PDB file of N, CA and C in Angstrom:
ATOM      1  N   MET A   1      -6.897  24.057  20.285  1.00  0.00           N
ATOM      2  CA  MET A   1      -6.885  24.344  18.835  1.00  0.00           C
ATOM      3  C   MET A   1      -8.286  24.106  18.293  1.00  0.00           C
ATOM      4  N   SER A   2      -8.738  25.045  17.439  1.00  0.00           N
ATOM      5  CA  SER A   2     -10.066  24.914  16.883  1.00  0.00           C
ATOM      6  C   SER A   2     -10.093  23.788  15.847  1.00  0.00           C
ATOM      7  N   ASN A   3     -11.330  23.279  15.572  1.00  0.00           N
ATOM      8  CA  ASN A   3     -11.452  22.192  14.616  1.00  0.00           C
ATOM      9  C   ASN A   3     -11.059  22.660  13.187  1.00  0.00           C
ATOM     10  N   THR A   4     -11.309  23.871  12.822  1.00  0.00           N
ATOM     11  CA  THR A   4     -10.972  24.388  11.507  1.00  0.00           C
ATOM     12  C   THR A   4      -9.452  24.381  11.373  1.00  0.00           C
ATOM     13  N   LYS A   5      -8.763  24.890  12.377  1.00  0.00           N
ATOM     14  CA  LYS A   5      -7.299  24.926  12.338  1.00  0.00           C
ATOM     15  C   LYS A   5      -6.713  23.480  12.296  1.00  0.00           C
ATOM     16  N   LYS A   6      -7.300  22.581  13.053  1.00  0.00           N
ATOM     17  CA  LYS A   6      -6.842  21.179  13.058  1.00  0.00           C
ATOM     18  C   LYS A   6      -7.033  20.581  11.689  1.00  0.00           C
ATOM     19  N   SER A   7      -8.212  20.849  11.080  1.00  0.00           N
ATOM     20  CA  SER A   7      -8.494  20.310   9.724  1.00  0.00           C
ATOM     21  C   SER A   7      -7.472  20.809   8.701  1.00  0.00           C
ATOM     22  N   GLU A   8      -7.156  22.088   8.777  1.00  0.00           N
ATOM     23  CA  GLU A   8      -6.188  22.686   7.837  1.00  0.00           C
ATOM     24  C   GLU A   8      -4.804  22.102   8.079  1.00  0.00           C
ATOM     25  N   ASP A   9      -4.392  21.922   9.330  1.00  0.00           N
ATOM     26  CA  ASP A   9      -3.108  21.324   9.644  1.00  0.00           C
ATOM     27  C   ASP A   9      -3.085  19.873   9.121  1.00  0.00           C
ATOM     28  N   ASP A  10      -4.191  19.081   9.317  1.00  0.00           N
ATOM     29  CA  ASP A  10      -4.280  17.730   8.857  1.00  0.00           C
ATOM     30  C   ASP A  10      -4.112  17.641   7.336  1.00  0.00           C
ATOM     31  N   LEU A  11      -4.782  18.594   6.645  1.00  0.00           N
ATOM     32  CA  LEU A  11      -4.745  18.620   5.193  1.00  0.00           C
ATOM     33  C   LEU A  11      -3.335  18.936   4.726  1.00  0.00           C
ATOM     34  N   GLN A  12      -2.640  19.898   5.350  1.00  0.00           N
ATOM     35  CA  GLN A  12      -1.277  20.203   4.993  1.00  0.00           C
ATOM     36  C   GLN A  12      -0.347  19.050   5.314  1.00  0.00           C
ATOM     37  N   GLN A  13      -0.550  18.352   6.351  1.00  0.00           N
ATOM     38  CA  GLN A  13       0.250  17.188   6.710  1.00  0.00           C
ATOM     39  C   GLN A  13       0.021  16.087   5.653  1.00  0.00           C
ATOM     40  N   PHE A  14      -1.192  15.901   5.256  1.00  0.00           N
ATOM     41  CA  PHE A  14      -1.497  14.926   4.211  1.00  0.00           C
ATOM     42  C   PHE A  14      -0.760  15.248   2.907  1.00  0.00           C
ATOM     43  N   ILE A  15      -0.845  16.516   2.494  1.00  0.00           N
ATOM     44  CA  ILE A  15      -0.246  16.919   1.213  1.00  0.00           C
ATOM     45  C   ILE A  15       1.255  16.676   1.275  1.00  0.00           C
ATOM     46  N   LYS A  16       1.874  17.035   2.389  1.00  0.00           N
ATOM     47  CA  LYS A  16       3.352  16.832   2.476  1.00  0.00           C
ATOM     48  C   LYS A  16       3.702  15.309   2.453  1.00  0.00           C
ATOM     49  N   ALA A  17       2.943  14.491   3.129  1.00  0.00           N
ATOM     50  CA  ALA A  17       3.206  13.073   3.178  1.00  0.00           C
ATOM     51  C   ALA A  17       2.860  12.332   1.867  1.00  0.00           C
ATOM     52  N   PHE A  18       1.739  12.598   1.272  1.00  0.00           N
ATOM     53  CA  PHE A  18       1.286  11.932   0.065  1.00  0.00           C
ATOM     54  C   PHE A  18       1.955  12.486  -1.175  1.00  0.00           C
ATOM     55  N   ASP A  19       2.344  13.769  -1.152  1.00  0.00           N
ATOM     56  CA  ASP A  19       3.061  14.429  -2.222  1.00  0.00           C
ATOM     57  C   ASP A  19       2.456  14.270  -3.618  1.00  0.00           C
ATOM     58  N   PRO A  20       1.179  14.702  -3.755  1.00  0.00           N
ATOM     59  CA  PRO A  20       0.533  14.602  -5.081  1.00  0.00           C
ATOM     60  C   PRO A  20       1.168  15.458  -6.127  1.00  0.00           C
ATOM     61  N   ASN A  21       1.246  15.032  -7.382  1.00  0.00           N
ATOM     62  CA  ASN A  21       1.785  15.826  -8.463  1.00  0.00           C
ATOM     63  C   ASN A  21       0.824  16.935  -8.797  1.00  0.00           C
ATOM     64  N   LYS A  22      -0.438  16.614  -8.962  1.00  0.00           N
ATOM     65  CA  LYS A  22      -1.451  17.630  -9.305  1.00  0.00           C
ATOM     66  C   LYS A  22      -2.605  17.589  -8.297  1.00  0.00           C
ATOM     67  N   PHE A  23      -2.902  18.749  -7.731  1.00  0.00           N
ATOM     68  CA  PHE A  23      -4.088  18.776  -6.872  1.00  0.00           C
ATOM     69  C   PHE A  23      -4.702  20.165  -6.952  1.00  0.00           C
ATOM     70  N   LYS A  24      -5.961  20.221  -6.645  1.00  0.00           N
ATOM     71  CA  LYS A  24      -6.757  21.444  -6.669  1.00  0.00           C
ATOM     72  C   LYS A  24      -7.321  21.648  -5.281  1.00  0.00           C
ATOM     73  N   ILE A  25      -7.197  22.864  -4.703  1.00  0.00           N
ATOM     74  CA  ILE A  25      -7.691  23.155  -3.406  1.00  0.00           C
ATOM     75  C   ILE A  25      -9.197  23.455  -3.525  1.00  0.00           C
ATOM     76  N   LEU A  26      -9.950  22.779  -2.685  1.00  0.00           N
ATOM     77  CA  LEU A  26     -11.453  22.924  -2.700  1.00  0.00           C
ATOM     78  C   LEU A  26     -11.818  23.545  -1.282  1.00  0.00           C
ATOM     79  N   LYS A  27     -13.027  23.988  -1.138  1.00  0.00           N
ATOM     80  CA  LYS A  27     -13.541  24.526   0.087  1.00  0.00           C
ATOM     81  C   LYS A  27     -13.534  23.404   1.184  1.00  0.00           C
ATOM     82  N   SER A  28     -13.856  22.197   0.754  1.00  0.00           N
ATOM     83  CA  SER A  28     -13.945  21.091   1.686  1.00  0.00           C
ATOM     84  C   SER A  28     -12.690  20.213   1.792  1.00  0.00           C
ATOM     85  N   GLY A  29     -11.639  20.571   1.049  1.00  0.00           N
ATOM     86  CA  GLY A  29     -10.435  19.799   1.098  1.00  0.00           C
ATOM     87  C   GLY A  29      -9.604  19.945  -0.180  1.00  0.00           C
ATOM     88  N   ILE A  30      -9.176  18.857  -0.774  1.00  0.00           N
ATOM     89  CA  ILE A  30      -8.407  18.884  -1.995  1.00  0.00           C
ATOM     90  C   ILE A  30      -8.904  17.835  -2.965  1.00  0.00           C
ATOM     91  N   GLU A  31      -8.675  18.118  -4.258  1.00  0.00           N
ATOM     92  CA  GLU A  31      -8.939  17.128  -5.272  1.00  0.00           C
ATOM     93  C   GLU A  31      -7.607  16.751  -5.879  1.00  0.00           C
ATOM     94  N   ILE A  32      -7.251  15.485  -5.813  1.00  0.00           N
ATOM     95  CA  ILE A  32      -6.053  15.002  -6.414  1.00  0.00           C
ATOM     96  C   ILE A  32      -6.354  14.440  -7.829  1.00  0.00           C
ATOM     97  N   ARG A  33      -5.540  14.864  -8.826  1.00  0.00           N
ATOM     98  CA  ARG A  33      -5.844  14.510 -10.242  1.00  0.00           C
ATOM     99  C   ARG A  33      -4.647  13.897 -10.878  1.00  0.00           C
ATOM    100  N   GLY A  34      -4.922  13.249 -12.082  1.00  0.00           N
ATOM    101  CA  GLY A  34      -3.882  12.711 -12.890  1.00  0.00           C
ATOM    102  C   GLY A  34      -3.301  11.420 -12.379  1.00  0.00           C
ATOM    103  N   ILE A  35      -4.006  10.709 -11.586  1.00  0.00           N
ATOM    104  CA  ILE A  35      -3.532   9.393 -11.040  1.00  0.00           C
ATOM    105  C   ILE A  35      -3.774   8.249 -12.030  1.00  0.00           C
ATOM    106  N   THR A  36      -2.751   7.463 -12.352  1.00  0.00           N
ATOM    107  CA  THR A  36      -2.918   6.402 -13.294  1.00  0.00           C
ATOM    108  C   THR A  36      -3.504   5.126 -12.601  1.00  0.00           C
ATOM    109  N   ASP A  37      -2.955   4.830 -11.413  1.00  0.00           N
ATOM    110  CA  ASP A  37      -3.508   3.638 -10.683  1.00  0.00           C
ATOM    111  C   ASP A  37      -4.423   4.130  -9.560  1.00  0.00           C
ATOM    112  N   ILE A  38      -5.614   4.413  -9.855  1.00  0.00           N
ATOM    113  CA  ILE A  38      -6.519   5.081  -8.946  1.00  0.00           C
ATOM    114  C   ILE A  38      -6.780   4.235  -7.677  1.00  0.00           C
ATOM    115  N   HIS A  39      -6.984   2.918  -7.888  1.00  0.00           N
ATOM    116  CA  HIS A  39      -7.254   2.020  -6.737  1.00  0.00           C
ATOM    117  C   HIS A  39      -6.076   2.013  -5.776  1.00  0.00           C
ATOM    118  N   ARG A  40      -4.887   1.847  -6.273  1.00  0.00           N
ATOM    119  CA  ARG A  40      -3.707   1.820  -5.392  1.00  0.00           C
ATOM    120  C   ARG A  40      -3.490   3.168  -4.676  1.00  0.00           C
ATOM    121  N   SER A  41      -3.731   4.246  -5.380  1.00  0.00           N
ATOM    122  CA  SER A  41      -3.591   5.548  -4.738  1.00  0.00           C
ATOM    123  C   SER A  41      -4.564   5.844  -3.656  1.00  0.00           C
ATOM    124  N   ILE A  42      -5.869   5.449  -3.890  1.00  0.00           N
ATOM    125  CA  ILE A  42      -6.818   5.633  -2.859  1.00  0.00           C
ATOM    126  C   ILE A  42      -6.550   4.781  -1.671  1.00  0.00           C
ATOM    127  N   THR A  43      -6.106   3.569  -1.861  1.00  0.00           N
ATOM    128  CA  THR A  43      -5.697   2.633  -0.771  1.00  0.00           C
ATOM    129  C   THR A  43      -4.588   3.190   0.030  1.00  0.00           C
ATOM    130  N   LEU A  44      -3.559   3.746  -0.666  1.00  0.00           N
ATOM    131  CA  LEU A  44      -2.430   4.382   0.019  1.00  0.00           C
ATOM    132  C   LEU A  44      -2.846   5.641   0.789  1.00  0.00           C
ATOM    133  N   ALA A  45      -3.699   6.453   0.182  1.00  0.00           N
ATOM    134  CA  ALA A  45      -4.177   7.681   0.889  1.00  0.00           C
ATOM    135  C   ALA A  45      -4.998   7.309   2.177  1.00  0.00           C
ATOM    136  N   LYS A  46      -5.808   6.304   2.056  1.00  0.00           N
ATOM    137  CA  LYS A  46      -6.621   5.888   3.258  1.00  0.00           C
ATOM    138  C   LYS A  46      -5.676   5.348   4.340  1.00  0.00           C
ATOM    139  N   ALA A  47      -4.684   4.577   3.943  1.00  0.00           N
ATOM    140  CA  ALA A  47      -3.748   4.041   4.902  1.00  0.00           C
ATOM    141  C   ALA A  47      -2.926   5.206   5.587  1.00  0.00           C
ATOM    142  N   LEU A  48      -2.565   6.201   4.794  1.00  0.00           N
ATOM    143  CA  LEU A  48      -1.786   7.306   5.333  1.00  0.00           C
ATOM    144  C   LEU A  48      -2.626   8.103   6.274  1.00  0.00           C
ATOM    145  N   ILE A  49      -3.891   8.317   5.976  1.00  0.00           N
ATOM    146  CA  ILE A  49      -4.828   9.051   6.837  1.00  0.00           C
ATOM    147  C   ILE A  49      -4.961   8.318   8.185  1.00  0.00           C
ATOM    148  N   GLN A  50      -5.109   7.002   8.102  1.00  0.00           N
ATOM    149  CA  GLN A  50      -5.276   6.221   9.303  1.00  0.00           C
ATOM    150  C   GLN A  50      -3.985   6.183  10.113  1.00  0.00           C
ATOM    151  N   LYS A  51      -2.850   6.050   9.487  1.00  0.00           N
ATOM    152  CA  LYS A  51      -1.586   5.946  10.181  1.00  0.00           C
ATOM    153  C   LYS A  51      -1.267   7.263  10.909  1.00  0.00           C
ATOM    154  N   LEU A  52      -1.554   8.381  10.259  1.00  0.00           N
ATOM    155  CA  LEU A  52      -1.258   9.703  10.883  1.00  0.00           C
ATOM    156  C   LEU A  52      -2.357  10.199  11.759  1.00  0.00           C
ATOM    157  N   LYS A  53      -3.464   9.448  11.794  1.00  0.00           N
ATOM    158  CA  LYS A  53      -4.629   9.800  12.626  1.00  0.00           C
ATOM    159  C   LYS A  53      -5.185  11.182  12.254  1.00  0.00           C
ATOM    160  N   LEU A  54      -5.330  11.430  10.933  1.00  0.00           N
ATOM    161  CA  LEU A  54      -5.781  12.690  10.430  1.00  0.00           C
ATOM    162  C   LEU A  54      -7.341  12.721  10.394  1.00  0.00           C
ATOM    163  N   GLN A  55      -7.916  13.835  10.576  1.00  0.00           N
ATOM    164  CA  GLN A  55      -9.358  14.042  10.495  1.00  0.00           C
ATOM    165  C   GLN A  55      -9.752  14.355   9.067  1.00  0.00           C
ATOM    166  N   LEU A  56      -9.501  13.351   8.151  1.00  0.00           N
ATOM    167  CA  LEU A  56      -9.736  13.522   6.760  1.00  0.00           C
ATOM    168  C   LEU A  56     -10.444  12.232   6.283  1.00  0.00           C
ATOM    169  N   ASP A  57     -11.084  12.304   5.107  1.00  0.00           N
ATOM    170  CA  ASP A  57     -11.710  11.144   4.529  1.00  0.00           C
ATOM    171  C   ASP A  57     -11.561  11.255   2.963  1.00  0.00           C
ATOM    172  N   ILE A  58     -11.747  10.104   2.324  1.00  0.00           N
ATOM    173  CA  ILE A  58     -11.646  10.042   0.858  1.00  0.00           C
ATOM    174  C   ILE A  58     -13.014   9.994   0.211  1.00  0.00           C
ATOM    175  N   ARG A  59     -13.190  10.717  -0.821  1.00  0.00           N
ATOM    176  CA  ARG A  59     -14.441  10.671  -1.579  1.00  0.00           C
ATOM    177  C   ARG A  59     -14.110  10.563  -3.072  1.00  0.00           C
ATOM    178  N   HIS A  60     -14.765   9.638  -3.747  1.00  0.00           N
ATOM    179  CA  HIS A  60     -14.607   9.505  -5.187  1.00  0.00           C
ATOM    180  C   HIS A  60     -15.818   8.929  -5.802  1.00  0.00           C
ATOM    181  N   ASN A  61     -15.953   9.161  -7.123  1.00  0.00           N
ATOM    182  CA  ASN A  61     -17.091   8.593  -7.873  1.00  0.00           C
ATOM    183  C   ASN A  61     -16.604   8.234  -9.268  1.00  0.00           C
ATOM    184  N   ALA A  62     -17.526   7.755 -10.077  1.00  0.00           N
ATOM    185  CA  ALA A  62     -17.160   7.263 -11.420  1.00  0.00           C
ATOM    186  C   ALA A  62     -16.637   8.428 -12.300  1.00  0.00           C
ATOM    187  N   GLU A  63     -17.228   9.635 -12.138  1.00  0.00           N
ATOM    188  CA  GLU A  63     -16.795  10.756 -12.950  1.00  0.00           C
ATOM    189  C   GLU A  63     -15.306  11.059 -12.657  1.00  0.00           C
ATOM    190  N   MET A  64     -14.957  11.101 -11.381  1.00  0.00           N
ATOM    191  CA  MET A  64     -13.577  11.422 -10.973  1.00  0.00           C
ATOM    192  C   MET A  64     -12.616  10.325 -11.540  1.00  0.00           C
ATOM    193  N   THR A  65     -13.092   9.147 -11.589  1.00  0.00           N
ATOM    194  CA  THR A  65     -12.193   8.046 -12.077  1.00  0.00           C
ATOM    195  C   THR A  65     -11.848   8.328 -13.576  1.00  0.00           C
ATOM    196  N   THR A  66     -12.724   8.911 -14.332  1.00  0.00           N
ATOM    197  CA  THR A  66     -12.406   9.137 -15.784  1.00  0.00           C
ATOM    198  C   THR A  66     -11.198  10.018 -15.953  1.00  0.00           C
ATOM    199  N   TYR A  67     -10.903  10.941 -15.017  1.00  0.00           N
ATOM    200  CA  TYR A  67      -9.695  11.781 -15.137  1.00  0.00           C
ATOM    201  C   TYR A  67      -8.688  11.460 -14.050  1.00  0.00           C
ATOM    202  N   GLY A  68      -8.829  10.261 -13.396  1.00  0.00           N
ATOM    203  CA  GLY A  68      -7.822   9.843 -12.450  1.00  0.00           C
ATOM    204  C   GLY A  68      -7.806  10.680 -11.210  1.00  0.00           C
ATOM    205  N   GLY A  69      -8.929  10.967 -10.633  1.00  0.00           N
ATOM    206  CA  GLY A  69      -9.033  11.853  -9.484  1.00  0.00           C
ATOM    207  C   GLY A  69      -9.826  11.299  -8.335  1.00  0.00           C
ATOM    208  N   PHE A  70      -9.546  11.862  -7.143  1.00  0.00           N
ATOM    209  CA  PHE A  70     -10.336  11.615  -5.963  1.00  0.00           C
ATOM    210  C   PHE A  70     -10.138  12.785  -5.016  1.00  0.00           C
ATOM    211  N   GLU A  71     -11.037  12.954  -4.052  1.00  0.00           N
ATOM    212  CA  GLU A  71     -10.986  14.003  -3.156  1.00  0.00           C
ATOM    213  C   GLU A  71     -10.570  13.577  -1.763  1.00  0.00           C
ATOM    214  N   VAL A  72      -9.845  14.397  -1.064  1.00  0.00           N
ATOM    215  CA  VAL A  72      -9.488  14.266   0.332  1.00  0.00           C
ATOM    216  C   VAL A  72     -10.284  15.335   1.019  1.00  0.00           C
ATOM    217  N   ILE A  73     -11.242  15.005   1.863  1.00  0.00           N
ATOM    218  CA  ILE A  73     -12.077  16.005   2.469  1.00  0.00           C
ATOM    219  C   ILE A  73     -11.893  16.094   3.976  1.00  0.00           C
ATOM    220  N   LYS A  74     -12.056  17.337   4.489  1.00  0.00           N
ATOM    221  CA  LYS A  74     -11.975  17.535   5.945  1.00  0.00           C
ATOM    222  C   LYS A  74     -13.226  17.021   6.599  1.00  0.00           C
ATOM    223  N   LEU A  75     -13.077  16.425   7.761  1.00  0.00           N
ATOM    224  CA  LEU A  75     -14.216  15.969   8.547  1.00  0.00           C
ATOM    225  C   LEU A  75     -14.718  17.052   9.458  1.00  0.00           C
TER     226      LEU A  75
END
């Protein structure tokens, strides 16, 4: 299986397991939005990625925090 296909499968697996209410598909992954408890959600997302051994990572910054968002990116 190619890395691109694996990354897409990992991303779909994450979306199904995390079940975000609002997300936007990006070239590098997805942006999850509208999270009220951002710290808890990021911690849960990281744990899910690790548990499922997905080739994904979390990226966030202060600007994203203002609208309750973070990105899940493909490695």
